Protein backbone atom coordinates (compact mmCIF):
# COMPACT_ATOMS: atom_id res chain seq x y z
CA UNK A 1 56.25 101.69 90.91
CA UNK A 2 58.20 99.56 93.41
CA UNK A 3 61.95 99.94 92.98
CA UNK A 4 64.14 96.93 92.24
CA UNK A 5 65.79 95.49 95.32
CA UNK A 6 62.98 96.71 97.59
CA UNK A 7 62.29 93.03 97.73
CA UNK A 8 59.39 91.10 99.18
CA UNK A 9 59.25 87.53 100.39
CA UNK A 10 57.71 84.93 98.07
CA UNK A 11 54.59 84.83 100.27
CA UNK A 12 54.26 88.63 100.31
CA UNK A 13 54.68 88.83 96.55
CA UNK A 14 52.09 86.10 95.94
CA UNK A 15 49.61 87.77 98.32
CA UNK A 16 50.01 91.08 96.50
CA UNK A 17 49.56 89.52 93.04
CA UNK A 18 47.54 86.29 92.86
CA UNK A 19 44.30 87.24 94.70
CA UNK A 20 43.72 90.05 92.19
CA UNK A 21 43.50 87.69 89.19
CA UNK A 22 39.93 86.96 88.08
CA UNK A 23 38.93 83.85 86.07
CA UNK A 24 38.46 84.29 82.34
CA UNK A 25 34.73 84.96 81.87
CA UNK A 26 34.24 82.90 78.70
CA UNK A 27 33.14 79.28 78.85
CA UNK A 28 32.53 76.59 76.26
CA UNK A 29 30.84 73.22 76.03
CA UNK A 30 33.09 70.31 75.06
CA UNK A 31 32.45 66.58 74.66
CA UNK A 32 33.43 64.54 77.69
CA UNK A 33 35.85 62.60 75.47
CA UNK A 34 37.79 65.86 74.94
CA UNK A 35 37.47 67.29 78.44
CA UNK A 36 40.52 65.75 80.16
CA UNK A 37 42.39 68.47 82.04
CA UNK A 38 39.72 71.10 81.45
CA UNK A 39 38.22 73.04 84.37
CA UNK A 40 34.50 72.90 85.11
CA UNK A 41 32.70 76.23 84.79
CA UNK A 42 29.62 75.18 86.77
CA UNK A 43 28.50 72.62 89.31
CA UNK A 44 27.59 69.33 87.64
CA UNK A 45 24.62 67.53 89.20
CA UNK A 46 23.55 63.95 88.60
CA UNK A 47 20.42 63.53 86.45
CA UNK A 48 19.78 60.09 87.97
CA UNK A 49 20.40 57.70 90.83
CA UNK A 50 23.47 55.54 90.38
CA UNK A 51 23.03 52.65 90.31
CA UNK A 52 19.48 52.92 89.02
CA UNK A 53 18.62 49.38 90.19
CA UNK A 54 19.86 47.04 92.95
CA UNK A 55 22.95 45.24 91.65
CA UNK A 56 24.70 42.13 92.80
CA UNK A 57 28.17 42.90 94.10
CA UNK A 58 29.34 39.29 93.73
CA UNK A 59 28.77 36.15 91.72
CA UNK A 60 26.35 33.93 93.59
CA UNK A 61 22.62 33.51 94.21
CA UNK A 62 19.80 35.98 94.78
CA UNK A 63 18.01 35.04 97.99
CA UNK A 64 15.49 36.20 100.54
CA UNK A 65 17.87 36.79 103.46
CA UNK A 66 15.44 35.27 105.98
CA UNK A 67 15.70 31.94 104.13
CA UNK A 68 19.40 31.72 105.12
CA UNK A 69 19.14 32.67 108.80
CA UNK A 70 20.85 30.09 111.01
CA UNK A 71 22.60 28.31 108.14
CA UNK A 72 25.90 26.61 109.00
CA UNK A 73 28.19 24.09 107.36
CA UNK A 74 26.78 21.44 109.69
CA UNK A 75 23.19 22.50 109.20
CA UNK A 76 22.91 24.25 105.81
CA UNK A 77 19.83 25.91 104.38
CA UNK A 78 18.46 24.16 101.29
CA UNK A 79 17.07 26.38 98.54
CA UNK A 80 15.40 25.51 95.26
CA UNK A 81 17.01 27.07 92.16
CA UNK A 82 14.22 28.50 90.00
CA UNK A 83 16.22 30.38 87.36
CA UNK A 84 18.90 32.91 86.55
CA UNK A 85 19.05 36.68 85.95
CA UNK A 86 21.27 37.14 82.88
CA UNK A 87 23.61 40.14 82.68
CA UNK A 88 22.05 43.19 81.05
CA UNK A 89 18.49 41.91 81.42
CA UNK A 90 15.58 42.50 83.76
CA UNK A 91 14.65 39.57 86.01
CA UNK A 92 12.00 37.19 84.69
CA UNK A 93 11.79 35.21 87.91
CA UNK A 94 10.27 36.01 91.30
CA UNK A 95 11.36 34.23 94.46
CA UNK A 96 8.96 32.55 96.78
CA UNK A 97 10.01 31.36 100.23
CA UNK A 98 12.77 28.76 99.96
CA UNK A 99 13.74 29.72 96.39
CA UNK A 100 16.87 31.20 94.81
CA UNK A 101 18.14 32.34 91.40
CA UNK A 102 21.64 32.59 90.01
CA UNK A 103 23.12 36.12 90.13
CA UNK A 104 26.12 37.72 88.40
CA UNK A 105 28.40 40.54 89.53
CA UNK A 106 26.84 43.82 88.34
CA UNK A 107 23.57 42.18 87.35
CA UNK A 108 20.06 42.63 88.71
CA UNK A 109 18.61 40.51 91.49
CA UNK A 110 15.60 38.29 91.10
CA UNK A 111 12.32 39.92 92.08
CA UNK A 112 11.62 39.38 95.74
CA UNK A 113 15.33 38.98 96.62
CA UNK A 114 17.02 41.27 99.14
CA UNK A 115 20.52 39.76 99.37
CA UNK A 116 23.10 37.67 97.53
CA UNK A 117 24.90 34.61 98.83
CA UNK A 118 28.35 34.39 97.27
CA UNK A 119 29.03 31.25 95.28
CA UNK A 120 31.82 30.19 97.66
CA UNK A 121 29.24 29.81 100.44
CA UNK A 122 27.04 27.44 98.46
CA UNK A 123 27.20 23.83 97.32
CA UNK A 124 25.15 22.22 94.54
CA UNK A 125 23.08 19.31 95.80
CA UNK A 126 21.52 18.48 92.45
CA UNK A 127 20.41 20.30 89.28
CA UNK A 128 17.70 22.27 91.11
CA UNK A 129 18.91 22.51 94.71
CA UNK A 130 21.75 24.26 96.52
CA UNK A 131 22.78 24.30 100.12
CA UNK A 132 23.81 27.60 101.80
CA UNK A 133 26.41 27.20 104.54
CA UNK A 134 26.52 30.80 105.81
CA UNK A 135 23.67 33.23 106.44
CA UNK A 136 23.38 36.70 104.85
CA UNK A 137 21.71 39.83 106.15
CA UNK A 138 19.27 41.90 104.10
CA UNK A 139 21.25 44.02 101.64
CA UNK A 140 24.41 41.93 101.95
CA UNK A 141 26.47 41.74 98.73
CA UNK A 142 24.02 44.13 97.06
CA UNK A 143 24.71 47.65 95.75
CA UNK A 144 21.56 49.61 96.48
CA UNK A 145 19.82 52.21 94.28
CA UNK A 146 21.64 55.55 94.61
CA UNK A 147 24.41 54.06 96.75
CA UNK A 148 27.04 55.72 94.49
CA UNK A 149 25.23 59.04 93.84
CA UNK A 150 21.72 60.36 94.22
CA UNK A 151 19.71 62.23 91.60
CA UNK A 152 20.41 65.96 91.98
CA UNK A 153 23.62 65.41 93.95
CA UNK A 154 26.57 67.60 92.91
CA UNK A 155 29.03 65.28 91.20
CA UNK A 156 31.76 67.80 90.49
CA UNK A 157 31.89 71.41 91.66
CA UNK A 158 32.78 74.37 89.49
CA UNK A 159 36.52 74.95 89.38
CA UNK A 160 37.62 71.32 89.30
CA UNK A 161 40.19 70.08 86.80
CA UNK A 162 38.76 66.99 85.15
CA UNK A 163 40.65 63.72 85.66
CA UNK A 164 40.15 60.39 83.89
CA UNK A 165 37.98 59.05 86.72
CA UNK A 166 35.85 62.21 86.60
CA UNK A 167 35.12 61.63 82.92
CA UNK A 168 34.09 58.06 83.71
CA UNK A 169 31.81 59.29 86.47
CA UNK A 170 30.10 61.72 84.10
CA UNK A 171 29.44 59.13 81.43
CA UNK A 172 28.09 56.73 84.07
CA UNK A 173 25.15 59.09 84.61
CA UNK A 174 24.73 59.95 80.94
CA UNK A 175 26.54 63.30 80.87
CA UNK A 176 28.36 63.42 77.53
CA UNK A 177 29.23 67.13 77.32
CA UNK A 178 30.44 69.57 79.96
CA UNK A 179 30.77 73.35 80.26
CA UNK A 180 34.37 74.36 80.99
CA UNK A 181 36.43 77.52 81.27
CA UNK A 182 38.08 78.74 78.11
CA UNK A 183 41.79 78.00 78.10
CA UNK A 184 43.64 81.23 78.93
CA UNK A 185 45.94 82.59 76.24
CA UNK A 186 49.42 83.27 77.61
CA UNK A 187 51.51 85.55 75.42
CA UNK A 188 55.28 85.09 75.74
CA UNK A 189 57.87 87.70 74.84
CA UNK A 190 61.61 87.11 75.04
CA UNK A 191 63.98 90.04 74.87
CA UNK A 192 67.66 90.67 74.46
CA UNK A 193 70.02 91.54 71.61
CA UNK A 194 71.90 88.35 72.42
CA UNK A 195 68.87 86.05 71.93
CA UNK A 196 68.18 84.43 68.53
CA UNK A 197 65.62 81.81 67.43
CA UNK A 198 66.73 78.18 67.97
CA UNK A 199 66.83 77.48 64.24
CA UNK A 200 69.43 80.22 63.68
CA UNK A 201 73.17 79.78 64.13
CA UNK A 202 74.21 82.10 66.97
CA UNK A 203 76.82 84.71 66.19
CA UNK A 204 79.52 85.87 68.59
CA UNK A 205 78.00 86.63 71.98
CA UNK A 206 74.57 85.28 70.99
CA UNK A 207 72.50 82.43 72.44
CA UNK A 208 69.46 80.52 71.23
CA UNK A 209 66.06 81.28 72.75
CA UNK A 210 65.32 78.83 75.56
CA UNK A 211 62.70 80.51 77.72
CA UNK A 212 60.00 80.79 75.06
CA UNK A 213 59.96 77.01 74.79
CA UNK A 214 60.33 76.03 78.44
CA UNK A 215 57.71 78.54 79.56
CA UNK A 216 55.45 77.63 76.66
CA UNK A 217 55.60 73.97 77.65
CA UNK A 218 54.81 74.82 81.29
CA UNK A 219 51.83 76.90 80.14
CA UNK A 220 50.47 74.08 77.99
CA UNK A 221 50.95 71.58 80.80
CA UNK A 222 49.03 73.88 83.17
CA UNK A 223 46.04 74.13 80.84
CA UNK A 224 46.83 77.39 79.05
CA UNK A 225 47.53 78.16 75.41
CA UNK A 226 51.06 79.53 74.84
CA UNK A 227 51.24 82.33 72.27
CA UNK A 228 54.89 83.16 71.49
CA UNK A 229 55.25 86.68 70.08
CA UNK A 230 58.93 86.57 69.24
CA UNK A 231 62.10 88.18 70.49
CA UNK A 232 62.33 91.90 71.23
CA UNK A 233 65.69 93.67 70.86
CA UNK A 234 67.03 95.78 73.72
CA UNK A 235 65.32 98.94 72.43
CA UNK A 236 62.56 100.56 74.37
CA UNK A 237 60.33 101.27 71.37
CA UNK A 238 60.50 97.71 70.05
CA UNK A 239 59.89 96.17 73.46
CA UNK A 240 56.98 98.51 74.14
CA UNK A 241 55.33 97.57 70.86
CA UNK A 242 55.54 93.86 71.66
CA UNK A 243 54.44 94.48 75.25
CA UNK A 244 51.31 96.32 74.12
CA UNK A 245 50.50 93.48 71.75
CA UNK A 246 51.14 90.88 74.47
CA UNK A 247 48.66 92.49 76.85
CA UNK A 248 46.09 93.09 74.11
CA UNK A 249 46.19 89.50 72.79
CA UNK A 250 46.69 87.51 76.00
CA UNK A 251 44.88 86.81 79.23
CA UNK A 252 48.31 86.63 80.86
CA UNK A 253 51.49 88.19 79.48
CA UNK A 254 54.90 86.75 80.32
CA UNK A 255 58.15 88.58 79.57
CA UNK A 256 61.58 87.03 79.69
CA UNK A 257 63.72 90.09 80.30
CA UNK A 258 67.29 90.68 79.23
CA UNK A 259 70.15 89.98 81.58
CA UNK A 260 71.37 93.50 82.32
CA UNK A 261 69.91 95.65 85.11
CA UNK A 262 69.26 98.50 82.67
CA UNK A 263 67.19 96.26 80.41
CA UNK A 264 65.22 94.93 83.39
CA UNK A 265 64.52 98.51 84.46
CA UNK A 266 63.25 99.31 80.95
CA UNK A 267 60.99 96.24 81.05
CA UNK A 268 59.54 97.26 84.41
CA UNK A 269 59.02 100.83 83.18
CA UNK A 270 57.23 99.66 80.04
CA UNK A 271 55.00 97.21 81.93
CA UNK A 272 54.12 99.88 84.50
CA UNK A 273 53.05 102.22 81.72
CA UNK A 274 50.75 99.74 79.98
CA UNK A 275 47.79 100.25 82.33
CA UNK A 276 46.62 100.49 85.91
CA UNK A 277 47.66 99.66 88.56
CA UNK A 278 50.89 98.55 86.87
CA UNK A 279 53.85 96.96 88.63
CA UNK A 280 52.95 95.50 92.02
CA UNK A 281 56.23 93.73 92.81
CA UNK A 282 59.74 94.38 91.52
CA UNK A 283 62.16 92.13 93.33
CA UNK A 284 61.70 89.02 95.48
CA UNK A 285 63.97 87.62 98.17
CA UNK A 286 64.64 84.39 96.33
CA UNK A 287 67.50 82.67 94.56
CA UNK A 288 67.36 82.21 91.67
CA UNK A 289 64.93 84.85 90.44
CA UNK A 290 65.41 88.00 92.51
CA UNK A 291 64.61 90.55 89.72
CA UNK A 292 61.07 89.26 89.16
CA UNK A 293 58.30 91.65 88.06
CA UNK A 294 54.65 91.06 88.93
CA UNK A 295 52.04 93.44 87.57
CA UNK A 296 48.37 93.88 86.83
CA UNK A 297 47.46 95.85 83.70
CA UNK A 298 43.79 96.79 83.50
CA UNK A 299 42.83 93.49 85.09
CA UNK A 300 45.32 91.32 83.20
CA UNK A 301 48.23 89.71 85.06
CA UNK A 302 51.76 90.28 83.77
CA UNK A 303 54.89 88.46 84.89
CA UNK A 304 58.42 89.61 84.11
CA UNK A 305 60.80 86.66 84.39
CA UNK A 306 64.57 86.85 84.72
CA UNK A 307 66.35 85.97 81.50
CA UNK A 308 68.38 83.09 82.91
CA UNK A 309 66.65 79.77 82.14
CA UNK A 310 66.85 78.27 85.62
CA UNK A 311 65.57 81.49 87.21
CA UNK A 312 62.80 81.74 84.63
CA UNK A 313 61.53 78.21 85.28
CA UNK A 314 61.66 78.54 89.07
CA UNK A 315 59.73 81.82 88.99
CA UNK A 316 57.28 80.48 86.42
CA UNK A 317 56.50 77.61 88.78
CA UNK A 318 55.87 79.99 91.65
CA UNK A 319 53.85 82.68 89.84
CA UNK A 320 52.96 81.87 86.22
CA UNK A 321 51.39 78.50 86.97
CA UNK A 322 49.31 79.81 89.92
CA UNK A 323 48.23 82.74 87.72
CA UNK A 324 46.97 80.27 85.11
CA UNK A 325 45.15 78.36 87.84
CA UNK A 326 43.46 81.60 88.92
CA UNK A 327 42.46 82.41 85.33
CA UNK A 328 40.94 78.92 85.06
CA UNK A 329 38.99 79.44 88.28
CA UNK A 330 40.48 76.40 89.98
CA UNK A 331 39.01 75.86 93.44
CA UNK A 332 42.34 74.64 94.78
CA UNK A 333 45.83 75.52 93.53
CA UNK A 334 47.45 72.64 91.67
CA UNK A 335 49.19 70.17 93.95
CA UNK A 336 52.78 69.52 93.03
CA UNK A 337 54.02 65.98 93.32
CA UNK A 338 56.49 65.79 96.19
CA UNK A 339 58.72 63.09 97.59
CA UNK A 340 60.80 62.92 100.73
CA UNK A 341 64.49 62.10 100.38
CA UNK A 342 67.79 62.36 102.21
CA UNK A 343 69.95 65.25 101.05
CA UNK A 344 73.15 63.89 99.50
CA UNK A 345 75.41 66.94 100.03
CA UNK A 346 75.53 70.09 102.10
CA UNK A 347 73.60 73.02 100.60
CA UNK A 348 74.63 76.49 101.70
CA UNK A 349 72.33 79.50 101.70
CA UNK A 350 72.06 83.08 102.93
CA UNK A 351 69.44 83.76 105.62
CA UNK A 352 66.75 86.17 104.52
CA UNK A 353 65.96 84.64 101.13
CA UNK A 354 64.47 81.43 99.82
CA UNK A 355 66.82 79.28 97.78
CA UNK A 356 65.62 76.68 95.28
CA UNK A 357 68.21 74.01 94.57
CA UNK A 358 67.84 71.55 91.66
CA UNK A 359 68.33 67.94 92.74
CA UNK A 360 68.53 64.55 91.08
CA UNK A 361 66.73 61.64 92.79
CA UNK A 362 68.58 58.36 93.21
CA UNK A 363 67.37 55.19 94.90
CA UNK A 364 69.54 52.62 96.65
CA UNK A 365 68.24 49.79 98.83
CA UNK A 366 64.83 51.47 98.87
CA UNK A 367 66.18 54.79 100.18
CA UNK A 368 65.70 57.96 98.11
CA UNK A 369 68.56 60.44 98.01
CA UNK A 370 68.38 63.99 96.65
CA UNK A 371 71.72 64.84 95.05
CA UNK A 372 72.13 68.61 94.47
CA UNK A 373 72.85 69.61 90.88
CA UNK A 374 74.95 72.70 91.36
CA UNK A 375 75.18 75.19 88.51
CA UNK A 376 74.64 78.82 87.60
CA UNK A 377 71.15 80.05 86.74
CA UNK A 378 72.02 80.57 83.07
CA UNK A 379 72.82 76.89 82.52
CA UNK A 380 69.72 75.09 81.29
CA UNK A 381 71.23 71.63 81.73
CA UNK A 382 71.31 72.26 85.45
CA UNK A 383 67.56 71.63 85.20
CA UNK A 384 67.77 68.98 82.49
CA UNK A 385 69.88 66.84 84.81
CA UNK A 386 67.52 67.42 87.76
CA UNK A 387 64.28 65.76 88.83
CA UNK A 388 62.99 68.53 91.06
CA UNK A 389 63.73 71.35 93.47
CA UNK A 390 64.48 71.55 97.17
CA UNK A 391 63.52 74.77 98.95
CA UNK A 392 65.88 76.21 101.53
CA UNK A 393 63.70 78.32 103.86
CA UNK A 394 64.47 82.02 104.24
CA UNK A 395 65.38 81.60 107.91
CA UNK A 396 68.00 78.91 107.24
CA UNK A 397 71.67 79.24 106.40
CA UNK A 398 71.61 75.95 104.53
CA UNK A 399 70.70 72.28 104.86
CA UNK A 400 73.26 69.68 105.98
CA UNK A 401 73.83 66.43 104.13
CA UNK A 402 71.76 63.56 105.47
CA UNK A 403 68.80 65.70 106.47
CA UNK A 404 65.38 64.67 105.22
CA UNK A 405 64.06 67.15 102.65
CA UNK A 406 60.95 67.57 100.51
CA UNK A 407 61.59 67.51 96.76
CA UNK A 408 59.09 69.26 94.49
CA UNK A 409 59.21 67.14 91.39
CA UNK A 410 59.10 68.73 87.96
């Protein structure tokens, strides 16, 4: 088992841990109306051309394009109006040379028509005649059959998280149910004699449980199902019992370890003994979050978070959320929303480790400023007051005020 403080970089730790996580094998079929945020388990192909018929892209008149060639405002083309194609109906009129029919946006064209003249380029002469002042080419202002998608075309690949527009695209071709990956169950164990449930009045030296709820919310937001298993006291037997249950019941087990080095060592020892290969990483060159544990237990990923709330959330963002993405079989890791801002104050760092600094975003005269929210890693309101994090690279000794930085928004 790797010893604590034989630290790896964030990139090295991720490379040792994340590629070994396989997607959950189970899938399920859900209605499209309930599929927002779910991850496709198979390629979805279109059962039809879309659109299935030529559609007018504008309000105007169905025409034979050749009847408009050469038309100008000084020498317009005169066409006889022979009818209208109502919305939602098949055409009941066919155009002969020199004839036109009224068309509506999204509606079908008259039979024999191959273009649409927009209403702004026409002028009524009388009840049955219009003049066209600009010519159109064949296909102009018309959405052709299959222009959006073709029958058999892959609409959405396996491993894509479904967005609102994706659901609309599926219903447009008549797909009303979709096969998706089962949501991974993420068991969460907090530990520490000092930690009590939030509904209990803390005694001397005790604190309410924070990490179960922050990590649980992150898990739910990422598409997993949080399964809190309670708080383990700082006793090896009790922690081992909960750890065994966490691995047995979850697809991913997350431990929020106690604050002392001895307790962290016990947590790493217990995790390493749960199954093969055990602990892969014990210690990362990052602040906050150095005493992180990453493990694989008989194919199941396990993450040991530091007990301090800020450290726990930073590490969860770097490793728990990507682990959930891997369990869901996402083709691409989730993209965090980022903004660029000017750093409001100097931020100091120590070369050789990555630092993550909470910042609050302010805007003045259209300029975004990232104001550092300084505070120790056991102070949850350091994050409550922040909008995101700024990373100080491992090769930097800090970032001066006024420099442009990238803020990873929460």
